[in-house]
């Protein structure tokens, strides 16, 4: 799922995992996926949604950066860049 979320950040036509779709809907509609409050959501769902959304956002931001100012982007966005590097390692180990 992590690799699929990264692929969606790089390519908007890539197929997103279901939890990433839910995260987009939650952000877009300012609503939780299921009725009730945060603690009423299915176990683990919110955690998966947040992780996938963060990976997608990191790769989307990375793709949109000015490539001539890579170091400035990485310095200004250390958490996003750490996510990029972490997913790259994951890709390498799954290759």
PDB file of N, CA and C in Angstrom:
ATOM      1  N   UNK A   1       0.814  -1.190   0.000  1.00  0.00           N
ATOM      2  CA  UNK A   1       0.000   0.000   0.000  1.00  0.00           C
ATOM      3  C   UNK A   1       0.862   1.260   0.000  1.00  0.00           C
ATOM      4  N   UNK A   2       1.968   1.237   0.731  1.00  0.00           N
ATOM      5  CA  UNK A   2       2.855   2.396   0.786  1.00  0.00           C
ATOM      6  C   UNK A   2       3.399   2.702  -0.609  1.00  0.00           C
ATOM      7  N   UNK A   3       3.842   1.670  -1.297  1.00  0.00           N
ATOM      8  CA  UNK A   3       4.400   1.879  -2.635  1.00  0.00           C
ATOM      9  C   UNK A   3       3.336   2.371  -3.611  1.00  0.00           C
ATOM     10  N   UNK A   4       2.119   1.905  -3.453  1.00  0.00           N
ATOM     11  CA  UNK A   4       1.028   2.372  -4.316  1.00  0.00           C
ATOM     12  C   UNK A   4       0.712   3.833  -4.040  1.00  0.00           C
ATOM     13  N   UNK A   5       0.753   4.254  -2.793  1.00  0.00           N
ATOM     14  CA  UNK A   5       0.516   5.655  -2.456  1.00  0.00           C
ATOM     15  C   UNK A   5       1.615   6.537  -3.044  1.00  0.00           C
ATOM     16  N   UNK A   6       2.859   6.070  -2.967  1.00  0.00           N
ATOM     17  CA  UNK A   6       3.968   6.819  -3.561  1.00  0.00           C
ATOM     18  C   UNK A   6       3.788   6.927  -5.069  1.00  0.00           C
ATOM     19  N   UNK A   7       3.382   5.845  -5.692  1.00  0.00           N
ATOM     20  CA  UNK A   7       3.153   5.860  -7.142  1.00  0.00           C
ATOM     21  C   UNK A   7       2.076   6.875  -7.519  1.00  0.00           C
ATOM     22  N   UNK A   8       1.051   7.001  -6.693  1.00  0.00           N
ATOM     23  CA  UNK A   8      -0.008   7.984  -6.953  1.00  0.00           C
ATOM     24  C   UNK A   8       0.512   9.407  -6.828  1.00  0.00           C
ATOM     25  N   UNK A   9       1.445   9.626  -5.923  1.00  0.00           N
ATOM     26  CA  UNK A   9       2.045  10.953  -5.789  1.00  0.00           C
ATOM     27  C   UNK A   9       2.887  11.317  -6.989  1.00  0.00           C
ATOM     28  N   UNK A  10       3.489  10.318  -7.590  1.00  0.00           N
ATOM     29  CA  UNK A  10       4.324  10.542  -8.776  1.00  0.00           C
ATOM     30  C   UNK A  10       3.501  10.595 -10.055  1.00  0.00           C
ATOM     31  N   UNK A  11       2.408   9.823 -10.083  1.00  0.00           N
ATOM     32  CA  UNK A  11       1.589   9.712 -11.291  1.00  0.00           C
ATOM     33  C   UNK A  11       0.113   9.743 -10.904  1.00  0.00           C
ATOM     34  N   UNK A  12      -0.576  10.848 -11.177  1.00  0.00           N
ATOM     35  CA  UNK A  12      -1.989  10.955 -10.793  1.00  0.00           C
ATOM     36  C   UNK A  12      -2.890   9.882 -11.406  1.00  0.00           C
ATOM     37  N   UNK A  13      -2.416   9.207 -12.443  1.00  0.00           N
ATOM     38  CA  UNK A  13      -3.229   8.164 -13.076  1.00  0.00           C
ATOM     39  C   UNK A  13      -3.035   6.790 -12.446  1.00  0.00           C
ATOM     40  N   UNK A  14      -2.108   6.693 -11.495  1.00  0.00           N
ATOM     41  CA  UNK A  14      -1.877   5.413 -10.815  1.00  0.00           C
ATOM     42  C   UNK A  14      -3.084   5.073  -9.947  1.00  0.00           C
ATOM     43  N   UNK A  15      -3.294   3.788  -9.747  1.00  0.00           N
ATOM     44  CA  UNK A  15      -4.441   3.319  -8.954  1.00  0.00           C
ATOM     45  C   UNK A  15      -4.150   3.469  -7.461  1.00  0.00           C
ATOM     46  N   UNK A  16      -4.940   4.277  -6.743  1.00  0.00           N
ATOM     47  CA  UNK A  16      -4.687   4.449  -5.304  1.00  0.00           C
ATOM     48  C   UNK A  16      -5.253   3.302  -4.478  1.00  0.00           C
ATOM     49  N   UNK A  17      -4.604   3.002  -3.352  1.00  0.00           N
ATOM     50  CA  UNK A  17      -5.177   2.014  -2.442  1.00  0.00           C
ATOM     51  C   UNK A  17      -6.468   2.577  -1.830  1.00  0.00           C
ATOM     52  N   UNK A  18      -7.379   1.708  -1.416  1.00  0.00           N
ATOM     53  CA  UNK A  18      -8.666   2.172  -0.881  1.00  0.00           C
ATOM     54  C   UNK A  18      -8.536   3.159   0.282  1.00  0.00           C
ATOM     55  N   UNK A  19      -7.577   2.924   1.173  1.00  0.00           N
ATOM     56  CA  UNK A  19      -7.427   3.819   2.320  1.00  0.00           C
ATOM     57  C   UNK A  19      -6.957   5.209   1.904  1.00  0.00           C
ATOM     58  N   UNK A  20      -6.223   5.309   0.796  1.00  0.00           N
ATOM     59  CA  UNK A  20      -5.817   6.626   0.296  1.00  0.00           C
ATOM     60  C   UNK A  20      -7.029   7.359  -0.277  1.00  0.00           C
ATOM     61  N   UNK A  21      -7.883   6.635  -0.981  1.00  0.00           N
ATOM     62  CA  UNK A  21      -9.130   7.245  -1.468  1.00  0.00           C
ATOM     63  C   UNK A  21      -9.967   7.770  -0.302  1.00  0.00           C
ATOM     64  N   UNK A  22     -10.049   6.981   0.759  1.00  0.00           N
ATOM     65  CA  UNK A  22     -10.790   7.416   1.946  1.00  0.00           C
ATOM     66  C   UNK A  22     -10.159   8.666   2.561  1.00  0.00           C
ATOM     67  N   UNK A  23      -8.845   8.716   2.585  1.00  0.00           N
ATOM     68  CA  UNK A  23      -8.160   9.888   3.143  1.00  0.00           C
ATOM     69  C   UNK A  23      -8.465  11.131   2.306  1.00  0.00           C
ATOM     70  N   UNK A  24      -8.430  10.994   0.992  1.00  0.00           N
ATOM     71  CA  UNK A  24      -8.765  12.138   0.124  1.00  0.00           C
ATOM     72  C   UNK A  24     -10.189  12.606   0.391  1.00  0.00           C
ATOM     73  N   UNK A  25     -11.103  11.654   0.541  1.00  0.00           N
ATOM     74  CA  UNK A  25     -12.500  12.015   0.812  1.00  0.00           C
ATOM     75  C   UNK A  25     -12.635  12.676   2.184  1.00  0.00           C
ATOM     76  N   UNK A  26     -11.938  12.156   3.172  1.00  0.00           N
ATOM     77  CA  UNK A  26     -12.004  12.728   4.518  1.00  0.00           C
ATOM     78  C   UNK A  26     -11.499  14.170   4.516  1.00  0.00           C
ATOM     79  N   UNK A  27     -10.410  14.413   3.810  1.00  0.00           N
ATOM     80  CA  UNK A  27      -9.859  15.765   3.711  1.00  0.00           C
ATOM     81  C   UNK A  27     -10.808  16.658   2.911  1.00  0.00           C
ATOM     82  N   UNK A  28     -11.276  16.160   1.790  1.00  0.00           N
ATOM     83  CA  UNK A  28     -12.134  16.952   0.916  1.00  0.00           C
ATOM     84  C   UNK A  28     -13.468  17.317   1.524  1.00  0.00           C
ATOM     85  N   UNK A  29     -14.051  16.392   2.263  1.00  0.00           N
ATOM     86  CA  UNK A  29     -15.377  16.616   2.851  1.00  0.00           C
ATOM     87  C   UNK A  29     -15.324  16.983   4.330  1.00  0.00           C
ATOM     88  N   UNK A  30     -14.118  17.029   4.895  1.00  0.00           N
ATOM     89  CA  UNK A  30     -13.957  17.326   6.326  1.00  0.00           C
ATOM     90  C   UNK A  30     -14.833  16.401   7.165  1.00  0.00           C
ATOM     91  N   UNK A  31     -14.758  15.123   6.835  1.00  0.00           N
ATOM     92  CA  UNK A  31     -15.595  14.135   7.523  1.00  0.00           C
ATOM     93  C   UNK A  31     -14.830  12.825   7.670  1.00  0.00           C
ATOM     94  N   UNK A  32     -15.185  12.078   8.701  1.00  0.00           N
ATOM     95  CA  UNK A  32     -14.609  10.757   8.909  1.00  0.00           C
ATOM     96  C   UNK A  32     -15.290   9.750   7.984  1.00  0.00           C
ATOM     97  N   UNK A  33     -14.621   8.643   7.673  1.00  0.00           N
ATOM     98  CA  UNK A  33     -15.206   7.653   6.762  1.00  0.00           C
ATOM     99  C   UNK A  33     -16.479   6.997   7.292  1.00  0.00           C
ATOM    100  N   UNK A  34     -16.533   6.729   8.590  1.00  0.00           N
ATOM    101  CA  UNK A  34     -17.680   6.055   9.196  1.00  0.00           C
ATOM    102  C   UNK A  34     -18.389   7.010  10.151  1.00  0.00           C
ATOM    103  N   UNK A  35     -19.636   6.722  10.414  1.00  0.00           N
ATOM    104  CA  UNK A  35     -20.406   7.538  11.359  1.00  0.00           C
ATOM    105  C   UNK A  35     -19.761   7.503  12.739  1.00  0.00           C
ATOM    106  N   UNK A  36     -19.944   8.557  13.486  1.00  0.00           N
ATOM    107  CA  UNK A  36     -19.404   8.637  14.840  1.00  0.00           C
ATOM    108  C   UNK A  36     -18.152   9.484  14.882  1.00  0.00           C
ATOM    109  N   UNK A  37     -17.428   9.363  15.964  1.00  0.00           N
ATOM    110  CA  UNK A  37     -16.216  10.137  16.164  1.00  0.00           C
ATOM    111  C   UNK A  37     -14.967   9.370  15.782  1.00  0.00           C
ATOM    112  N   UNK A  38     -13.848   9.952  16.096  1.00  0.00           N
ATOM    113  CA  UNK A  38     -12.559   9.354  15.749  1.00  0.00           C
ATOM    114  C   UNK A  38     -12.405   7.951  16.325  1.00  0.00           C
ATOM    115  N   UNK A  39     -12.814   7.768  17.556  1.00  0.00           N
ATOM    116  CA  UNK A  39     -12.658   6.465  18.203  1.00  0.00           C
ATOM    117  C   UNK A  39     -13.694   5.443  17.749  1.00  0.00           C
ATOM    118  N   UNK A  40     -14.666   5.879  16.945  1.00  0.00           N
ATOM    119  CA  UNK A  40     -15.678   4.967  16.406  1.00  0.00           C
ATOM    120  C   UNK A  40     -15.263   4.373  15.054  1.00  0.00           C
ATOM    121  N   UNK A  41     -14.118   4.786  14.541  1.00  0.00           N
ATOM    122  CA  UNK A  41     -13.664   4.281  13.249  1.00  0.00           C
ATOM    123  C   UNK A  41     -13.094   2.870  13.419  1.00  0.00           C
ATOM    124  N   UNK A  42     -13.163   2.048  12.362  1.00  0.00           N
ATOM    125  CA  UNK A  42     -12.606   0.692  12.458  1.00  0.00           C
ATOM    126  C   UNK A  42     -11.135   0.717  12.895  1.00  0.00           C
ATOM    127  N   UNK A  43     -10.760  -0.252  13.687  1.00  0.00           N
ATOM    128  CA  UNK A  43      -9.400  -0.325  14.228  1.00  0.00           C
ATOM    129  C   UNK A  43      -8.356  -0.248  13.120  1.00  0.00           C
ATOM    130  N   UNK A  44      -7.416   0.665  13.271  1.00  0.00           N
ATOM    131  CA  UNK A  44      -6.304   0.782  12.335  1.00  0.00           C
ATOM    132  C   UNK A  44      -6.586   1.596  11.088  1.00  0.00           C
ATOM    133  N   UNK A  45      -7.840   1.868  10.795  1.00  0.00           N
ATOM    134  CA  UNK A  45      -8.177   2.559   9.543  1.00  0.00           C
ATOM    135  C   UNK A  45      -7.568   3.951   9.487  1.00  0.00           C
ATOM    136  N   UNK A  46      -7.738   4.734  10.528  1.00  0.00           N
ATOM    137  CA  UNK A  46      -7.236   6.107  10.509  1.00  0.00           C
ATOM    138  C   UNK A  46      -5.711   6.132  10.397  1.00  0.00           C
ATOM    139  N   UNK A  47      -5.046   5.229  11.076  1.00  0.00           N
ATOM    140  CA  UNK A  47      -3.593   5.151  11.001  1.00  0.00           C
ATOM    141  C   UNK A  47      -3.130   4.844   9.578  1.00  0.00           C
ATOM    142  N   UNK A  48      -3.769   3.884   8.928  1.00  0.00           N
ATOM    143  CA  UNK A  48      -3.425   3.546   7.542  1.00  0.00           C
ATOM    144  C   UNK A  48      -3.706   4.720   6.614  1.00  0.00           C
ATOM    145  N   UNK A  49      -4.845   5.368   6.808  1.00  0.00           N
ATOM    146  CA  UNK A  49      -5.201   6.515   5.971  1.00  0.00           C
ATOM    147  C   UNK A  49      -4.167   7.627   6.097  1.00  0.00           C
ATOM    148  N   UNK A  50      -3.770   7.938   7.331  1.00  0.00           N
ATOM    149  CA  UNK A  50      -2.818   9.020   7.569  1.00  0.00           C
ATOM    150  C   UNK A  50      -1.459   8.686   6.957  1.00  0.00           C
ATOM    151  N   UNK A  51      -1.005   7.457   7.160  1.00  0.00           N
ATOM    152  CA  UNK A  51       0.297   7.061   6.608  1.00  0.00           C
ATOM    153  C   UNK A  51       0.299   7.140   5.084  1.00  0.00           C
ATOM    154  N   UNK A  52      -0.741   6.627   4.458  1.00  0.00           N
ATOM    155  CA  UNK A  52      -0.807   6.648   2.996  1.00  0.00           C
ATOM    156  C   UNK A  52      -0.933   8.074   2.467  1.00  0.00           C
ATOM    157  N   UNK A  53      -1.731   8.885   3.142  1.00  0.00           N
ATOM    158  CA  UNK A  53      -1.879  10.281   2.729  1.00  0.00           C
ATOM    159  C   UNK A  53      -0.543  11.013   2.833  1.00  0.00           C
ATOM    160  N   UNK A  54       0.198  10.779   3.912  1.00  0.00           N
ATOM    161  CA  UNK A  54       1.495  11.435   4.083  1.00  0.00           C
ATOM    162  C   UNK A  54       2.492  11.022   3.009  1.00  0.00           C
ATOM    163  N   UNK A  55       2.510   9.746   2.662  1.00  0.00           N
ATOM    164  CA  UNK A  55       3.408   9.275   1.599  1.00  0.00           C
ATOM    165  C   UNK A  55       2.997   9.900   0.263  1.00  0.00           C
ATOM    166  N   UNK A  56       1.719   9.866  -0.043  1.00  0.00           N
ATOM    167  CA  UNK A  56       1.229  10.466  -1.283  1.00  0.00           C
ATOM    168  C   UNK A  56       1.607  11.942  -1.350  1.00  0.00           C
ATOM    169  N   UNK A  57       1.370  12.676  -0.252  1.00  0.00           N
ATOM    170  CA  UNK A  57       1.655  14.100  -0.224  1.00  0.00           C
ATOM    171  C   UNK A  57       3.149  14.376  -0.407  1.00  0.00           C
ATOM    172  N   UNK A  58       3.985  13.572   0.231  1.00  0.00           N
ATOM    173  CA  UNK A  58       5.437  13.754   0.103  1.00  0.00           C
ATOM    174  C   UNK A  58       5.871  13.585  -1.351  1.00  0.00           C
ATOM    175  N   UNK A  59       5.399  12.531  -1.999  1.00  0.00           N
ATOM    176  CA  UNK A  59       5.800  12.294  -3.384  1.00  0.00           C
ATOM    177  C   UNK A  59       5.190  13.314  -4.340  1.00  0.00           C
ATOM    178  N   UNK A  60       3.990  13.747  -4.075  1.00  0.00           N
ATOM    179  CA  UNK A  60       3.365  14.785  -4.897  1.00  0.00           C
ATOM    180  C   UNK A  60       4.157  16.083  -4.776  1.00  0.00           C
ATOM    181  N   UNK A  61       4.505  16.456  -3.564  1.00  0.00           N
ATOM    182  CA  UNK A  61       5.283  17.671  -3.339  1.00  0.00           C
ATOM    183  C   UNK A  61       6.664  17.570  -3.979  1.00  0.00           C
ATOM    184  N   UNK A  62       7.270  16.403  -3.847  1.00  0.00           N
ATOM    185  CA  UNK A  62       8.597  16.181  -4.431  1.00  0.00           C
ATOM    186  C   UNK A  62       8.549  16.318  -5.952  1.00  0.00           C
ATOM    187  N   UNK A  63       7.523  15.774  -6.548  1.00  0.00           N
ATOM    188  CA  UNK A  63       7.404  15.852  -8.000  1.00  0.00           C
ATOM    189  C   UNK A  63       7.197  17.292  -8.466  1.00  0.00           C
ATOM    190  N   UNK A  64       6.513  18.093  -7.676  1.00  0.00           N
ATOM    191  CA  UNK A  64       6.197  19.465  -8.062  1.00  0.00           C
ATOM    192  C   UNK A  64       7.308  20.461  -7.725  1.00  0.00           C
ATOM    193  N   UNK A  65       8.351  20.014  -7.031  1.00  0.00           N
ATOM    194  CA  UNK A  65       9.419  20.932  -6.636  1.00  0.00           C
ATOM    195  C   UNK A  65      10.158  21.450  -7.870  1.00  0.00           C
ATOM    196  N   UNK A  66      10.837  22.549  -7.691  1.00  0.00           N
ATOM    197  CA  UNK A  66      11.728  23.065  -8.731  1.00  0.00           C
ATOM    198  C   UNK A  66      13.001  22.220  -8.669  1.00  0.00           C
ATOM    199  N   UNK A  67      13.246  21.425  -9.689  1.00  0.00           N
ATOM    200  CA  UNK A  67      14.378  20.488  -9.657  1.00  0.00           C
ATOM    201  C   UNK A  67      15.716  21.207  -9.565  1.00  0.00           C
ATOM    202  N   UNK A  68      15.770  22.456 -10.010  1.00  0.00           N
ATOM    203  CA  UNK A  68      17.012  23.226  -9.915  1.00  0.00           C
ATOM    204  C   UNK A  68      17.287  23.662  -8.480  1.00  0.00           C
ATOM    205  N   UNK A  69      16.256  23.598  -7.634  1.00  0.00           N
ATOM    206  CA  UNK A  69      16.403  24.002  -6.233  1.00  0.00           C
ATOM    207  C   UNK A  69      16.134  22.819  -5.301  1.00  0.00           C
ATOM    208  N   UNK A  70      16.635  21.653  -5.694  1.00  0.00           N
ATOM    209  CA  UNK A  70      16.403  20.431  -4.932  1.00  0.00           C
ATOM    210  C   UNK A  70      16.862  20.560  -3.479  1.00  0.00           C
ATOM    211  N   UNK A  71      18.096  21.046  -3.272  1.00  0.00           N
ATOM    212  CA  UNK A  71      18.625  21.147  -1.907  1.00  0.00           C
ATOM    213  C   UNK A  71      17.771  22.087  -1.057  1.00  0.00           C
ATOM    214  N   UNK A  72      17.346  23.190  -1.633  1.00  0.00           N
ATOM    215  CA  UNK A  72      16.508  24.132  -0.888  1.00  0.00           C
ATOM    216  C   UNK A  72      15.184  23.478  -0.493  1.00  0.00           C
ATOM    217  N   UNK A  73      14.609  22.696  -1.430  1.00  0.00           N
ATOM    218  CA  UNK A  73      13.351  22.001  -1.124  1.00  0.00           C
ATOM    219  C   UNK A  73      13.565  20.991  -0.005  1.00  0.00           C
ATOM    220  N   UNK A  74      14.623  20.201  -0.116  1.00  0.00           N
ATOM    221  CA  UNK A  74      14.908  19.171   0.896  1.00  0.00           C
ATOM    222  C   UNK A  74      15.159  19.813   2.265  1.00  0.00           C
ATOM    223  N   UNK A  75      15.869  20.936   2.283  1.00  0.00           N
ATOM    224  CA  UNK A  75      16.140  21.626   3.550  1.00  0.00           C
ATOM    225  C   UNK A  75      14.866  22.235   4.140  1.00  0.00           C
ATOM    226  N   UNK A  76      13.979  22.716   3.278  1.00  0.00           N
ATOM    227  CA  UNK A  76      12.735  23.331   3.741  1.00  0.00           C
ATOM    228  C   UNK A  76      11.686  22.298   4.146  1.00  0.00           C
ATOM    229  N   UNK A  77      11.835  21.065   3.657  1.00  0.00           N
ATOM    230  CA  UNK A  77      10.852  20.004   3.905  1.00  0.00           C
ATOM    231  C   UNK A  77      11.535  18.730   4.391  1.00  0.00           C
ATOM    232  N   UNK A  78      12.212  18.778   5.525  1.00  0.00           N
ATOM    233  CA  UNK A  78      12.984  17.597   5.946  1.00  0.00           C
ATOM    234  C   UNK A  78      12.133  16.361   6.205  1.00  0.00           C
ATOM    235  N   UNK A  79      10.941  16.538   6.735  1.00  0.00           N
ATOM    236  CA  UNK A  79      10.088  15.372   6.995  1.00  0.00           C
ATOM    237  C   UNK A  79       9.611  14.736   5.689  1.00  0.00           C
ATOM    238  N   UNK A  80       9.237  15.574   4.735  1.00  0.00           N
ATOM    239  CA  UNK A  80       8.805  15.038   3.446  1.00  0.00           C
ATOM    240  C   UNK A  80       9.957  14.319   2.751  1.00  0.00           C
ATOM    241  N   UNK A  81      11.147  14.925   2.806  1.00  0.00           N
ATOM    242  CA  UNK A  81      12.296  14.307   2.153  1.00  0.00           C
ATOM    243  C   UNK A  81      12.677  13.004   2.852  1.00  0.00           C
ATOM    244  N   UNK A  82      12.564  12.946   4.160  1.00  0.00           N
ATOM    245  CA  UNK A  82      12.842  11.694   4.886  1.00  0.00           C
ATOM    246  C   UNK A  82      11.864  10.603   4.444  1.00  0.00           C
ATOM    247  N   UNK A  83      10.619  10.978   4.210  1.00  0.00           N
ATOM    248  CA  UNK A  83       9.630  10.015   3.714  1.00  0.00           C
ATOM    249  C   UNK A  83      10.023   9.512   2.337  1.00  0.00           C
ATOM    250  N   UNK A  84      10.450  10.411   1.467  1.00  0.00           N
ATOM    251  CA  UNK A  84      10.894  10.021   0.119  1.00  0.00           C
ATOM    252  C   UNK A  84      12.033   9.007   0.211  1.00  0.00           C
ATOM    253  N   UNK A  85      13.034   9.315   1.021  1.00  0.00           N
ATOM    254  CA  UNK A  85      14.190   8.418   1.151  1.00  0.00           C
ATOM    255  C   UNK A  85      13.797   7.070   1.740  1.00  0.00           C
ATOM    256  N   UNK A  86      12.902   7.084   2.708  1.00  0.00           N
ATOM    257  CA  UNK A  86      12.442   5.845   3.325  1.00  0.00           C
ATOM    258  C   UNK A  86      11.713   4.961   2.325  1.00  0.00           C
ATOM    259  N   UNK A  87      10.859   5.556   1.525  1.00  0.00           N
ATOM    260  CA  UNK A  87      10.112   4.770   0.527  1.00  0.00           C
ATOM    261  C   UNK A  87      11.046   4.275  -0.572  1.00  0.00           C
ATOM    262  N   UNK A  88      12.038   5.068  -0.916  1.00  0.00           N
ATOM    263  CA  UNK A  88      13.031   4.599  -1.913  1.00  0.00           C
ATOM    264  C   UNK A  88      13.738   3.339  -1.425  1.00  0.00           C
ATOM    265  N   UNK A  89      14.086   3.323  -0.134  1.00  0.00           N
ATOM    266  CA  UNK A  89      14.725   2.127   0.439  1.00  0.00           C
ATOM    267  C   UNK A  89      13.778   0.935   0.396  1.00  0.00           C
ATOM    268  N   UNK A  90      12.515   1.198   0.684  1.00  0.00           N
ATOM    269  CA  UNK A  90      11.505   0.141   0.626  1.00  0.00           C
ATOM    270  C   UNK A  90      11.389  -0.407  -0.792  1.00  0.00           C
ATOM    271  N   UNK A  91      11.401   0.486  -1.764  1.00  0.00           N
ATOM    272  CA  UNK A  91      11.347   0.048  -3.181  1.00  0.00           C
ATOM    273  C   UNK A  91      12.526  -0.824  -3.526  1.00  0.00           C
ATOM    274  N   UNK A  92      13.716  -0.407  -3.086  1.00  0.00           N
ATOM    275  CA  UNK A  92      14.925  -1.179  -3.372  1.00  0.00           C
ATOM    276  C   UNK A  92      14.850  -2.573  -2.767  1.00  0.00           C
ATOM    277  N   UNK A  93      14.348  -2.654  -1.555  1.00  0.00           N
ATOM    278  CA  UNK A  93      14.274  -3.960  -0.899  1.00  0.00           C
ATOM    279  C   UNK A  93      13.205  -4.855  -1.516  1.00  0.00           C
ATOM    280  N   UNK A  94      12.232  -4.266  -2.214  1.00  0.00           N
ATOM    281  CA  UNK A  94      11.185  -5.049  -2.860  1.00  0.00           C
ATOM    282  C   UNK A  94      11.435  -5.287  -4.335  1.00  0.00           C
ATOM    283  N   UNK A  95      12.557  -4.786  -4.834  1.00  0.00           N
ATOM    284  CA  UNK A  95      12.861  -4.935  -6.266  1.00  0.00           C
ATOM    285  C   UNK A  95      13.349  -6.327  -6.594  1.00  0.00           C
TER     286      UNK A  95
END
